[in-house]
Amino acid sequence: MSENNPFLRALAMYAEAVYRKDVEAFAALYDQDVHVFDMWGAWSLRGLTAWRDMASGWFSSLGDERVVVTFDSQESTVTEDLAIGYAILTYTAVAPDGTTLRSLSNRATMALRKTGECWTIFHEHTSAPIDHQSLQAIVSRAEC
């Protein structure tokens, strides 16, 4: 991972915050006026308070489980004050003993802007393809 690429750095920090279930570290990645098109539940979420509340609910719902986030197929474009990237994110729930409980993948696109010396995500969009027959989201790459 390039330390100079804000998108890759954000992905790594995102994965760490999710694993630690650290709402504040998670929220610190995002801009105050973030607008998220999340794949789960709400059509969209606007503002850091709404996004922080989503993370708080998600992390507290995990109980003693942890979520390991990995990413691949990442691509990004970075300019002086704007970075846009996309990747496939895989979320794997693990029990306290390390046993894999379940896993799913989705596609994520993030747009970051630099304000001063800080890069923050101001837009995030997650998605998964939809099976034409069942109209169900395909959350495993093996199904594609």
Protein backbone atom coordinates (compact mmCIF):
# COMPACT_ATOMS: atom_id res chain seq x y z
CA MET A 1 0.00 0.00 0.00
CA SER A 2 1.27 3.42 -0.87
CA GLU A 3 1.33 5.78 2.10
CA ASN A 4 0.93 8.61 -0.42
CA ASN A 5 -2.40 7.32 -1.74
CA PRO A 6 -5.23 8.69 0.42
CA PHE A 7 -7.74 6.18 -0.95
CA LEU A 8 -5.62 3.16 -0.03
CA ARG A 9 -4.82 4.71 3.34
CA ALA A 10 -8.56 5.27 3.96
CA LEU A 11 -9.32 1.63 3.10
CA ALA A 12 -6.69 0.39 5.56
CA MET A 13 -7.92 2.73 8.31
CA TYR A 14 -11.53 1.71 7.58
CA ALA A 15 -10.63 -1.98 7.97
CA GLU A 16 -8.83 -1.28 11.25
CA ALA A 17 -11.68 0.81 12.68
CA VAL A 18 -14.25 -1.85 11.77
CA TYR A 19 -12.17 -4.64 13.29
CA ARG A 20 -11.75 -2.67 16.52
CA LYS A 21 -15.44 -1.61 16.43
CA ASP A 22 -14.14 1.91 17.01
CA VAL A 23 -16.97 4.28 16.11
CA GLU A 24 -14.86 7.42 16.56
CA ALA A 25 -11.98 6.15 14.40
CA PHE A 26 -14.54 5.09 11.77
CA ALA A 27 -16.30 8.47 11.83
CA ALA A 28 -12.98 10.35 11.66
CA LEU A 29 -12.51 9.02 8.11
CA TYR A 30 -15.55 10.96 6.90
CA ASP A 31 -16.35 14.59 6.18
CA GLN A 32 -19.02 16.42 8.22
CA ASP A 33 -21.27 16.62 5.14
CA VAL A 34 -20.68 13.05 3.94
CA HIS A 35 -23.35 11.60 1.68
CA VAL A 36 -23.49 7.79 1.63
CA PHE A 37 -25.44 5.57 -0.72
CA ASP A 38 -25.24 2.52 1.51
CA MET A 39 -26.27 -0.92 0.34
CA TRP A 40 -27.95 -1.75 3.64
CA GLY A 41 -31.22 -0.44 5.01
CA ALA A 42 -31.53 3.23 4.14
CA TRP A 43 -31.59 4.62 0.60
CA SER A 44 -28.95 7.16 1.61
CA LEU A 45 -27.46 8.77 4.68
CA ARG A 46 -26.41 12.40 4.81
CA GLY A 47 -24.15 13.95 7.38
CA LEU A 48 -21.61 12.59 9.80
CA THR A 49 -24.10 12.21 12.64
CA ALA A 50 -26.29 9.85 10.60
CA TRP A 51 -23.24 7.87 9.43
CA ARG A 52 -21.80 7.68 12.95
CA ASP A 53 -25.18 6.44 14.24
CA MET A 54 -25.19 3.72 11.55
CA ALA A 55 -21.69 2.59 12.60
CA SER A 56 -22.62 2.61 16.28
CA GLY A 57 -25.64 0.41 15.61
CA TRP A 58 -23.65 -1.92 13.37
CA PHE A 59 -20.76 -2.36 15.79
CA SER A 60 -23.00 -2.85 18.83
CA SER A 61 -25.06 -5.48 16.95
CA LEU A 62 -21.94 -7.63 16.60
CA GLY A 63 -21.75 -8.63 20.25
CA ASP A 64 -18.44 -10.43 20.77
CA GLU A 65 -17.90 -11.02 17.04
CA ARG A 66 -15.38 -9.04 15.02
CA VAL A 67 -15.49 -8.16 11.34
CA VAL A 68 -12.38 -8.51 9.23
CA VAL A 69 -12.52 -6.24 6.19
CA THR A 70 -10.26 -7.06 3.27
CA PHE A 71 -10.15 -5.32 -0.07
CA ASP A 72 -8.93 -6.10 -3.54
CA SER A 73 -9.26 -4.95 -7.14
CA GLN A 74 -8.67 -1.43 -5.89
CA GLU A 75 -8.11 1.38 -8.38
CA SER A 76 -7.83 5.08 -7.71
CA THR A 77 -7.06 8.46 -9.19
CA VAL A 78 -5.48 11.11 -6.98
CA THR A 79 -4.99 14.78 -7.69
CA GLU A 80 -3.68 17.52 -5.43
CA ASP A 81 -6.90 17.78 -3.42
CA LEU A 82 -9.25 15.04 -4.70
CA ALA A 83 -9.07 11.25 -4.69
CA ILE A 84 -11.58 8.83 -6.14
CA GLY A 85 -11.28 5.08 -5.87
CA TYR A 86 -13.15 1.84 -5.97
CA ALA A 87 -12.55 -1.64 -4.61
CA ILE A 88 -14.21 -4.91 -3.75
CA LEU A 89 -14.62 -5.10 0.04
CA THR A 90 -15.13 -8.43 1.77
CA TYR A 91 -16.56 -8.47 5.28
CA THR A 92 -15.87 -11.65 7.27
CA ALA A 93 -17.47 -12.10 10.68
CA VAL A 94 -15.26 -14.03 13.08
CA ALA A 95 -15.99 -15.52 16.49
CA PRO A 96 -13.77 -14.71 19.48
CA ASP A 97 -11.86 -17.95 18.83
CA GLY A 98 -11.16 -16.87 15.22
CA THR A 99 -13.72 -19.16 13.59
CA THR A 100 -15.20 -17.70 10.39
CA LEU A 101 -18.95 -17.28 10.83
CA ARG A 102 -20.05 -15.71 7.53
CA SER A 103 -18.74 -13.51 4.77
CA LEU A 104 -20.03 -11.20 2.08
CA SER A 105 -18.55 -8.88 -0.51
CA ASN A 106 -19.70 -5.67 -2.08
CA ARG A 107 -18.42 -2.98 -4.40
CA ALA A 108 -17.42 0.35 -2.92
CA THR A 109 -16.58 3.69 -4.44
CA MET A 110 -15.21 6.51 -2.28
CA ALA A 111 -14.54 10.15 -3.06
CA LEU A 112 -12.13 11.99 -0.76
CA ARG A 113 -11.13 15.63 -0.59
CA LYS A 114 -8.18 17.25 1.05
CA THR A 115 -8.85 20.09 3.46
CA GLY A 116 -5.66 21.47 4.93
CA GLU A 117 -3.55 18.39 5.54
CA CYS A 118 -6.47 16.00 6.11
CA TRP A 119 -8.20 13.74 3.61
CA THR A 120 -11.83 12.85 4.37
CA ILE A 121 -14.43 10.79 2.54
CA PHE A 122 -17.25 13.05 1.36
CA HIS A 123 -19.09 10.45 -0.70
CA GLU A 124 -19.31 6.67 -0.50
CA HIS A 125 -21.38 4.34 -2.61
CA THR A 126 -21.73 0.60 -2.02
CA SER A 127 -23.51 -1.88 -4.24
CA ALA A 128 -23.85 -5.47 -5.34
CA PRO A 129 -25.19 -6.89 -8.58
CA ILE A 130 -28.79 -8.12 -8.54
CA ASP A 131 -29.71 -11.57 -9.82
CA HIS A 132 -32.35 -11.15 -12.55
CA GLN A 133 -34.27 -14.30 -11.59
CA SER A 134 -34.52 -13.89 -7.81
CA LEU A 135 -34.03 -10.11 -7.57
CA GLN A 136 -31.60 -10.87 -4.70
CA ALA A 137 -28.28 -9.12 -4.21
CA ILE A 138 -25.25 -11.22 -5.13
CA VAL A 139 -22.90 -10.82 -2.16
CA SER A 140 -20.38 -13.51 -3.04
CA ARG A 141 -18.03 -13.11 -5.96
CA ALA A 142 -18.27 -16.87 -6.60
CA GLU A 143 -21.91 -16.31 -7.61
CA CYS A 144 -21.00 -13.87 -10.41
